[in-house]
Amino acid sequence: MGFYLGLLWAFLPWLIVFVLGVIASKLMTSARKRKGTAVIFGAAVQMLIPDPYAERTIEMMVVEKKQTKKQGEDRGKLTKKK
């Protein structure tokens, strides 16, 4: 019995890594399919472990979207002038 217990303790960290990998894989496929599970999990993680730079990240994304939208409009104006 002691041998098996020692073997369990030896492989326990690898088992934990494997289980976390499987969970991450399932969440990634769920997020790609836009399932509610990934959104709820992300919201829960954000509440428990908040990102200290969340506001800055959101502002950067808004600015980036505005720039890409402006570039798209500029390209549309250039093609209409020809």
PDB file of N, CA and C in Angstrom:
ATOM      1  N   MET A   1       0.820  -1.192   0.000  1.00  0.00           N
ATOM      2  CA  MET A   1       0.000   0.000   0.000  1.00  0.00           C
ATOM      3  C   MET A   1       0.864   1.256   0.000  1.00  0.00           C
ATOM      4  N   GLY A   2       1.969   1.221   0.739  1.00  0.00           N
ATOM      5  CA  GLY A   2       2.861   2.376   0.808  1.00  0.00           C
ATOM      6  C   GLY A   2       3.488   2.693  -0.539  1.00  0.00           C
ATOM      7  N   PHE A   3       3.751   1.632  -1.322  1.00  0.00           N
ATOM      8  CA  PHE A   3       4.344   1.832  -2.654  1.00  0.00           C
ATOM      9  C   PHE A   3       3.393   2.610  -3.550  1.00  0.00           C
ATOM     10  N   TYR A   4       2.114   2.212  -3.530  1.00  0.00           N
ATOM     11  CA  TYR A   4       1.125   2.874  -4.380  1.00  0.00           C
ATOM     12  C   TYR A   4       0.863   4.308  -3.933  1.00  0.00           C
ATOM     13  N   LEU A   5       0.904   4.541  -2.640  1.00  0.00           N
ATOM     14  CA  LEU A   5       0.722   5.887  -2.123  1.00  0.00           C
ATOM     15  C   LEU A   5       1.891   6.782  -2.539  1.00  0.00           C
ATOM     16  N   GLY A   6       3.098   6.236  -2.465  1.00  0.00           N
ATOM     17  CA  GLY A   6       4.271   6.989  -2.912  1.00  0.00           C
ATOM     18  C   GLY A   6       4.221   7.276  -4.403  1.00  0.00           C
ATOM     19  N   LEU A   7       3.729   6.296  -5.175  1.00  0.00           N
ATOM     20  CA  LEU A   7       3.585   6.486  -6.616  1.00  0.00           C
ATOM     21  C   LEU A   7       2.546   7.564  -6.928  1.00  0.00           C
ATOM     22  N   LEU A   8       1.465   7.560  -6.160  1.00  0.00           N
ATOM     23  CA  LEU A   8       0.427   8.585  -6.336  1.00  0.00           C
ATOM     24  C   LEU A   8       0.988   9.971  -6.069  1.00  0.00           C
ATOM     25  N   TRP A   9       1.742  10.126  -4.993  1.00  0.00           N
ATOM     26  CA  TRP A   9       2.332  11.432  -4.678  1.00  0.00           C
ATOM     27  C   TRP A   9       3.357  11.854  -5.726  1.00  0.00           C
ATOM     28  N   ALA A  10       4.020  10.895  -6.344  1.00  0.00           N
ATOM     29  CA  ALA A  10       5.015  11.226  -7.370  1.00  0.00           C
ATOM     30  C   ALA A  10       4.349  11.731  -8.648  1.00  0.00           C
ATOM     31  N   PHE A  11       3.203  11.140  -9.005  1.00  0.00           N
ATOM     32  CA  PHE A  11       2.544  11.517 -10.248  1.00  0.00           C
ATOM     33  C   PHE A  11       1.433  12.547 -10.078  1.00  0.00           C
ATOM     34  N   LEU A  12       1.138  12.939  -8.846  1.00  0.00           N
ATOM     35  CA  LEU A  12       0.065  13.889  -8.598  1.00  0.00           C
ATOM     36  C   LEU A  12       0.278  15.244  -9.294  1.00  0.00           C
ATOM     37  N   PRO A  13       1.469  15.832  -9.260  1.00  0.00           N
ATOM     38  CA  PRO A  13       1.641  17.109  -9.977  1.00  0.00           C
ATOM     39  C   PRO A  13       1.376  16.975 -11.481  1.00  0.00           C
ATOM     40  N   TRP A  14       1.801  15.870 -12.083  1.00  0.00           N
ATOM     41  CA  TRP A  14       1.575  15.671 -13.515  1.00  0.00           C
ATOM     42  C   TRP A  14       0.097  15.449 -13.809  1.00  0.00           C
ATOM     43  N   LEU A  15      -0.586  14.775 -12.898  1.00  0.00           N
ATOM     44  CA  LEU A  15      -2.022  14.566 -13.051  1.00  0.00           C
ATOM     45  C   LEU A  15      -2.764  15.901 -12.985  1.00  0.00           C
ATOM     46  N   ILE A  16      -2.366  16.759 -12.074  1.00  0.00           N
ATOM     47  CA  ILE A  16      -2.983  18.078 -11.952  1.00  0.00           C
ATOM     48  C   ILE A  16      -2.748  18.895 -13.221  1.00  0.00           C
ATOM     49  N   VAL A  17      -1.532  18.884 -13.746  1.00  0.00           N
ATOM     50  CA  VAL A  17      -1.225  19.612 -14.987  1.00  0.00           C
ATOM     51  C   VAL A  17      -2.060  19.071 -16.141  1.00  0.00           C
ATOM     52  N   PHE A  18      -2.193  17.764 -16.215  1.00  0.00           N
ATOM     53  CA  PHE A  18      -2.982  17.156 -17.282  1.00  0.00           C
ATOM     54  C   PHE A  18      -4.448  17.562 -17.190  1.00  0.00           C
ATOM     55  N   VAL A  19      -5.007  17.519 -15.992  1.00  0.00           N
ATOM     56  CA  VAL A  19      -6.420  17.890 -15.804  1.00  0.00           C
ATOM     57  C   VAL A  19      -6.634  19.361 -16.135  1.00  0.00           C
ATOM     58  N   LEU A  20      -5.728  20.226 -15.705  1.00  0.00           N
ATOM     59  CA  LEU A  20      -5.850  21.651 -16.041  1.00  0.00           C
ATOM     60  C   LEU A  20      -5.743  21.881 -17.543  1.00  0.00           C
ATOM     61  N   GLY A  21      -4.898  21.118 -18.213  1.00  0.00           N
ATOM     62  CA  GLY A  21      -4.785  21.216 -19.665  1.00  0.00           C
ATOM     63  C   GLY A  21      -6.061  20.809 -20.373  1.00  0.00           C
ATOM     64  N   VAL A  22      -6.685  19.749 -19.894  1.00  0.00           N
ATOM     65  CA  VAL A  22      -7.951  19.301 -20.483  1.00  0.00           C
ATOM     66  C   VAL A  22      -9.036  20.355 -20.269  1.00  0.00           C
ATOM     67  N   ILE A  23      -9.092  20.918 -19.066  1.00  0.00           N
ATOM     68  CA  ILE A  23     -10.078  21.965 -18.793  1.00  0.00           C
ATOM     69  C   ILE A  23      -9.835  23.176 -19.681  1.00  0.00           C
ATOM     70  N   ALA A  24      -8.578  23.582 -19.835  1.00  0.00           N
ATOM     71  CA  ALA A  24      -8.259  24.728 -20.689  1.00  0.00           C
ATOM     72  C   ALA A  24      -8.638  24.453 -22.139  1.00  0.00           C
ATOM     73  N   SER A  25      -8.391  23.239 -22.599  1.00  0.00           N
ATOM     74  CA  SER A  25      -8.748  22.876 -23.967  1.00  0.00           C
ATOM     75  C   SER A  25     -10.254  22.961 -24.185  1.00  0.00           C
ATOM     76  N   LYS A  26     -11.017  22.446 -23.228  1.00  0.00           N
ATOM     77  CA  LYS A  26     -12.482  22.502 -23.333  1.00  0.00           C
ATOM     78  C   LYS A  26     -12.976  23.945 -23.324  1.00  0.00           C
ATOM     79  N   LEU A  27     -12.375  24.784 -22.475  1.00  0.00           N
ATOM     80  CA  LEU A  27     -12.785  26.187 -22.429  1.00  0.00           C
ATOM     81  C   LEU A  27     -12.425  26.925 -23.721  1.00  0.00           C
ATOM     82  N   MET A  28     -11.290  26.586 -24.312  1.00  0.00           N
ATOM     83  CA  MET A  28     -10.897  27.234 -25.572  1.00  0.00           C
ATOM     84  C   MET A  28     -11.862  26.884 -26.698  1.00  0.00           C
ATOM     85  N   THR A  29     -12.241  25.619 -26.796  1.00  0.00           N
ATOM     86  CA  THR A  29     -13.200  25.247 -27.840  1.00  0.00           C
ATOM     87  C   THR A  29     -14.560  25.869 -27.564  1.00  0.00           C
ATOM     88  N   SER A  30     -14.929  25.980 -26.303  1.00  0.00           N
ATOM     89  CA  SER A  30     -16.187  26.621 -25.940  1.00  0.00           C
ATOM     90  C   SER A  30     -16.153  28.106 -26.290  1.00  0.00           C
ATOM     91  N   ALA A  31     -15.031  28.756 -26.060  1.00  0.00           N
ATOM     92  CA  ALA A  31     -14.909  30.187 -26.374  1.00  0.00           C
ATOM     93  C   ALA A  31     -14.931  30.416 -27.882  1.00  0.00           C
ATOM     94  N   ARG A  32     -14.343  29.526 -28.646  1.00  0.00           N
ATOM     95  CA  ARG A  32     -14.360  29.681 -30.105  1.00  0.00           C
ATOM     96  C   ARG A  32     -15.763  29.546 -30.668  1.00  0.00           C
ATOM     97  N   LYS A  33     -16.573  28.722 -30.005  1.00  0.00           N
ATOM     98  CA  LYS A  33     -17.947  28.529 -30.457  1.00  0.00           C
ATOM     99  C   LYS A  33     -18.898  29.552 -29.836  1.00  0.00           C
ATOM    100  N   ARG A  34     -18.363  30.494 -29.071  1.00  0.00           N
ATOM    101  CA  ARG A  34     -19.142  31.554 -28.423  1.00  0.00           C
ATOM    102  C   ARG A  34     -20.197  30.993 -27.476  1.00  0.00           C
ATOM    103  N   LYS A  35     -19.824  29.999 -26.707  1.00  0.00           N
ATOM    104  CA  LYS A  35     -20.735  29.396 -25.729  1.00  0.00           C
ATOM    105  C   LYS A  35     -20.740  30.233 -24.445  1.00  0.00           C
ATOM    106  N   GLY A  36     -21.816  30.134 -23.706  1.00  0.00           N
ATOM    107  CA  GLY A  36     -21.954  30.895 -22.471  1.00  0.00           C
ATOM    108  C   GLY A  36     -21.029  30.436 -21.368  1.00  0.00           C
ATOM    109  N   THR A  37     -20.600  29.178 -21.431  1.00  0.00           N
ATOM    110  CA  THR A  37     -19.725  28.632 -20.389  1.00  0.00           C
ATOM    111  C   THR A  37     -18.428  29.428 -20.290  1.00  0.00           C
ATOM    112  N   ALA A  38     -17.834  29.726 -21.423  1.00  0.00           N
ATOM    113  CA  ALA A  38     -16.563  30.450 -21.432  1.00  0.00           C
ATOM    114  C   ALA A  38     -16.758  31.883 -20.933  1.00  0.00           C
ATOM    115  N   VAL A  39     -17.873  32.492 -21.290  1.00  0.00           N
ATOM    116  CA  VAL A  39     -18.140  33.861 -20.850  1.00  0.00           C
ATOM    117  C   VAL A  39     -18.333  33.902 -19.335  1.00  0.00           C
ATOM    118  N   ILE A  40     -19.105  32.958 -18.813  1.00  0.00           N
ATOM    119  CA  ILE A  40     -19.346  32.911 -17.366  1.00  0.00           C
ATOM    120  C   ILE A  40     -18.048  32.635 -16.617  1.00  0.00           C
ATOM    121  N   PHE A  41     -17.242  31.708 -17.134  1.00  0.00           N
ATOM    122  CA  PHE A  41     -15.966  31.394 -16.489  1.00  0.00           C
ATOM    123  C   PHE A  41     -15.046  32.614 -16.516  1.00  0.00           C
ATOM    124  N   GLY A  42     -15.000  33.310 -17.639  1.00  0.00           N
ATOM    125  CA  GLY A  42     -14.167  34.508 -17.747  1.00  0.00           C
ATOM    126  C   GLY A  42     -14.617  35.600 -16.792  1.00  0.00           C
ATOM    127  N   ALA A  43     -15.931  35.781 -16.660  1.00  0.00           N
ATOM    128  CA  ALA A  43     -16.449  36.783 -15.725  1.00  0.00           C
ATOM    129  C   ALA A  43     -16.117  36.413 -14.284  1.00  0.00           C
ATOM    130  N   ALA A  44     -16.238  35.136 -13.956  1.00  0.00           N
ATOM    131  CA  ALA A  44     -15.928  34.688 -12.597  1.00  0.00           C
ATOM    132  C   ALA A  44     -14.444  34.878 -12.286  1.00  0.00           C
ATOM    133  N   VAL A  45     -13.596  34.543 -13.233  1.00  0.00           N
ATOM    134  CA  VAL A  45     -12.157  34.720 -13.027  1.00  0.00           C
ATOM    135  C   VAL A  45     -11.826  36.198 -12.893  1.00  0.00           C
ATOM    136  N   GLN A  46     -12.465  37.040 -13.691  1.00  0.00           N
ATOM    137  CA  GLN A  46     -12.211  38.475 -13.629  1.00  0.00           C
ATOM    138  C   GLN A  46     -12.630  39.040 -12.270  1.00  0.00           C
ATOM    139  N   MET A  47     -13.717  38.503 -11.695  1.00  0.00           N
ATOM    140  CA  MET A  47     -14.150  38.971 -10.375  1.00  0.00           C
ATOM    141  C   MET A  47     -13.196  38.508  -9.283  1.00  0.00           C
ATOM    142  N   LEU A  48     -12.715  37.284  -9.396  1.00  0.00           N
ATOM    143  CA  LEU A  48     -11.847  36.746  -8.351  1.00  0.00           C
ATOM    144  C   LEU A  48     -10.409  37.240  -8.475  1.00  0.00           C
ATOM    145  N   ILE A  49      -9.924  37.356  -9.703  1.00  0.00           N
ATOM    146  CA  ILE A  49      -8.550  37.793  -9.940  1.00  0.00           C
ATOM    147  C   ILE A  49      -8.598  38.969 -10.916  1.00  0.00           C
ATOM    148  N   PRO A  50      -8.894  40.161 -10.437  1.00  0.00           N
ATOM    149  CA  PRO A  50      -9.056  41.295 -11.350  1.00  0.00           C
ATOM    150  C   PRO A  50      -7.728  41.708 -11.999  1.00  0.00           C
ATOM    151  N   ASP A  51      -7.826  42.163 -13.215  1.00  0.00           N
ATOM    152  CA  ASP A  51      -6.663  42.643 -13.963  1.00  0.00           C
ATOM    153  C   ASP A  51      -6.397  44.087 -13.551  1.00  0.00           C
ATOM    154  N   PRO A  52      -5.209  44.394 -13.024  1.00  0.00           N
ATOM    155  CA  PRO A  52      -4.956  45.777 -12.590  1.00  0.00           C
ATOM    156  C   PRO A  52      -4.906  46.755 -13.768  1.00  0.00           C
ATOM    157  N   TYR A  53      -4.699  46.260 -14.963  1.00  0.00           N
ATOM    158  CA  TYR A  53      -4.616  47.124 -16.127  1.00  0.00           C
ATOM    159  C   TYR A  53      -5.845  46.994 -17.014  1.00  0.00           C
ATOM    160  N   ALA A  54      -6.968  46.575 -16.459  1.00  0.00           N
ATOM    161  CA  ALA A  54      -8.177  46.325 -17.260  1.00  0.00           C
ATOM    162  C   ALA A  54      -8.652  47.589 -17.963  1.00  0.00           C
ATOM    163  N   GLU A  55      -8.688  48.717 -17.248  1.00  0.00           N
ATOM    164  CA  GLU A  55      -9.163  49.959 -17.858  1.00  0.00           C
ATOM    165  C   GLU A  55      -8.251  50.386 -19.001  1.00  0.00           C
ATOM    166  N   ARG A  56      -6.962  50.279 -18.802  1.00  0.00           N
ATOM    167  CA  ARG A  56      -6.018  50.668 -19.849  1.00  0.00           C
ATOM    168  C   ARG A  56      -6.155  49.755 -21.065  1.00  0.00           C
ATOM    169  N   THR A  57      -6.349  48.471 -20.827  1.00  0.00           N
ATOM    170  CA  THR A  57      -6.516  47.522 -21.926  1.00  0.00           C
ATOM    171  C   THR A  57      -7.784  47.825 -22.708  1.00  0.00           C
ATOM    172  N   ILE A  58      -8.865  48.130 -22.015  1.00  0.00           N
ATOM    173  CA  ILE A  58     -10.122  48.455 -22.692  1.00  0.00           C
ATOM    174  C   ILE A  58      -9.966  49.723 -23.511  1.00  0.00           C
ATOM    175  N   GLU A  59      -9.314  50.733 -22.959  1.00  0.00           N
ATOM    176  CA  GLU A  59      -9.101  51.981 -23.701  1.00  0.00           C
ATOM    177  C   GLU A  59      -8.254  51.734 -24.952  1.00  0.00           C
ATOM    178  N   MET A  60      -7.236  50.898 -24.839  1.00  0.00           N
ATOM    179  CA  MET A  60      -6.394  50.597 -26.001  1.00  0.00           C
ATOM    180  C   MET A  60      -7.201  49.898 -27.089  1.00  0.00           C
ATOM    181  N   MET A  61      -8.087  48.989 -26.704  1.00  0.00           N
ATOM    182  CA  MET A  61      -8.911  48.279 -27.678  1.00  0.00           C
ATOM    183  C   MET A  61      -9.880  49.234 -28.375  1.00  0.00           C
ATOM    184  N   VAL A  62     -10.461  50.175 -27.623  1.00  0.00           N
ATOM    185  CA  VAL A  62     -11.386  51.145 -28.211  1.00  0.00           C
ATOM    186  C   VAL A  62     -10.655  52.020 -29.212  1.00  0.00           C
ATOM    187  N   VAL A  63      -9.477  52.489 -28.853  1.00  0.00           N
ATOM    188  CA  VAL A  63      -8.690  53.330 -29.765  1.00  0.00           C
ATOM    189  C   VAL A  63      -8.308  52.545 -31.013  1.00  0.00           C
ATOM    190  N   GLU A  64      -7.917  51.287 -30.841  1.00  0.00           N
ATOM    191  CA  GLU A  64      -7.535  50.450 -31.979  1.00  0.00           C
ATOM    192  C   GLU A  64      -8.717  50.236 -32.918  1.00  0.00           C
ATOM    193  N   LYS A  65      -9.908  50.001 -32.364  1.00  0.00           N
ATOM    194  CA  LYS A  65     -11.092  49.818 -33.204  1.00  0.00           C
ATOM    195  C   LYS A  65     -11.425  51.091 -33.963  1.00  0.00           C
ATOM    196  N   LYS A  66     -11.283  52.252 -33.305  1.00  0.00           N
ATOM    197  CA  LYS A  66     -11.552  53.522 -33.985  1.00  0.00           C
ATOM    198  C   LYS A  66     -10.576  53.734 -35.135  1.00  0.00           C
ATOM    199  N   GLN A  67      -9.311  53.377 -34.907  1.00  0.00           N
ATOM    200  CA  GLN A  67      -8.307  53.555 -35.957  1.00  0.00           C
ATOM    201  C   GLN A  67      -8.592  52.640 -37.138  1.00  0.00           C
ATOM    202  N   THR A  68      -8.946  51.394 -36.889  1.00  0.00           N
ATOM    203  CA  THR A  68      -9.229  50.485 -37.998  1.00  0.00           C
ATOM    204  C   THR A  68     -10.492  50.911 -38.734  1.00  0.00           C
ATOM    205  N   LYS A  69     -11.481  51.427 -38.012  1.00  0.00           N
ATOM    206  CA  LYS A  69     -12.706  51.913 -38.651  1.00  0.00           C
ATOM    207  C   LYS A  69     -12.393  53.122 -39.527  1.00  0.00           C
ATOM    208  N   LYS A  70     -11.547  54.033 -39.034  1.00  0.00           N
ATOM    209  CA  LYS A  70     -11.172  55.217 -39.800  1.00  0.00           C
ATOM    210  C   LYS A  70     -10.382  54.828 -41.046  1.00  0.00           C
ATOM    211  N   GLN A  71      -9.478  53.851 -40.907  1.00  0.00           N
ATOM    212  CA  GLN A  71      -8.709  53.387 -42.058  1.00  0.00           C
ATOM    213  C   GLN A  71      -9.624  52.764 -43.100  1.00  0.00           C
ATOM    214  N   GLY A  72     -10.627  52.015 -42.652  1.00  0.00           N
ATOM    215  CA  GLY A  72     -11.578  51.408 -43.574  1.00  0.00           C
ATOM    216  C   GLY A  72     -12.393  52.465 -44.307  1.00  0.00           C
ATOM    217  N   GLU A  73     -12.780  53.530 -43.611  1.00  0.00           N
ATOM    218  CA  GLU A  73     -13.519  54.615 -44.247  1.00  0.00           C
ATOM    219  C   GLU A  73     -12.630  55.357 -45.242  1.00  0.00           C
ATOM    220  N   ASP A  74     -11.353  55.573 -44.868  1.00  0.00           N
ATOM    221  CA  ASP A  74     -10.429  56.247 -45.778  1.00  0.00           C
ATOM    222  C   ASP A  74     -10.217  55.428 -47.046  1.00  0.00           C
ATOM    223  N   ARG A  75     -10.122  54.130 -46.918  1.00  0.00           N
ATOM    224  CA  ARG A  75      -9.947  53.275 -48.089  1.00  0.00           C
ATOM    225  C   ARG A  75     -11.193  53.322 -48.972  1.00  0.00           C
ATOM    226  N   GLY A  76     -12.351  53.395 -48.332  1.00  0.00           N
ATOM    227  CA  GLY A  76     -13.590  53.499 -49.089  1.00  0.00           C
ATOM    228  C   GLY A  76     -13.667  54.796 -49.859  1.00  0.00           C
ATOM    229  N   LYS A  77     -13.193  55.895 -49.297  1.00  0.00           N
ATOM    230  CA  LYS A  77     -13.190  57.192 -49.975  1.00  0.00           C
ATOM    231  C   LYS A  77     -12.225  57.178 -51.160  1.00  0.00           C
ATOM    232  N   LEU A  78     -11.081  56.527 -50.984  1.00  0.00           N
ATOM    233  CA  LEU A  78     -10.108  56.463 -52.065  1.00  0.00           C
ATOM    234  C   LEU A  78     -10.635  55.661 -53.248  1.00  0.00           C
ATOM    235  N   THR A  79     -11.324  54.588 -52.995  1.00  0.00           N
ATOM    236  CA  THR A  79     -11.837  53.776 -54.094  1.00  0.00           C
ATOM    237  C   THR A  79     -13.009  54.456 -54.781  1.00  0.00           C
ATOM    238  N   LYS A  80     -13.766  55.284 -54.075  1.00  0.00           N
ATOM    239  CA  LYS A  80     -14.902  55.980 -54.694  1.00  0.00           C
ATOM    240  C   LYS A  80     -14.424  57.127 -55.579  1.00  0.00           C
ATOM    241  N   LYS A  81     -13.280  57.751 -55.278  1.00  0.00           N
ATOM    242  CA  LYS A  81     -12.780  58.875 -56.075  1.00  0.00           C
ATOM    243  C   LYS A  81     -12.316  58.436 -57.443  1.00  0.00           C
ATOM    244  N   LYS A  82     -11.894  57.215 -57.576  1.00  0.00           N
ATOM    245  CA  LYS A  82     -11.374  56.747 -58.856  1.00  0.00           C
ATOM    246  C   LYS A  82     -12.498  56.537 -59.762  1.00  0.00           C
TER     247      LYS A  82
END
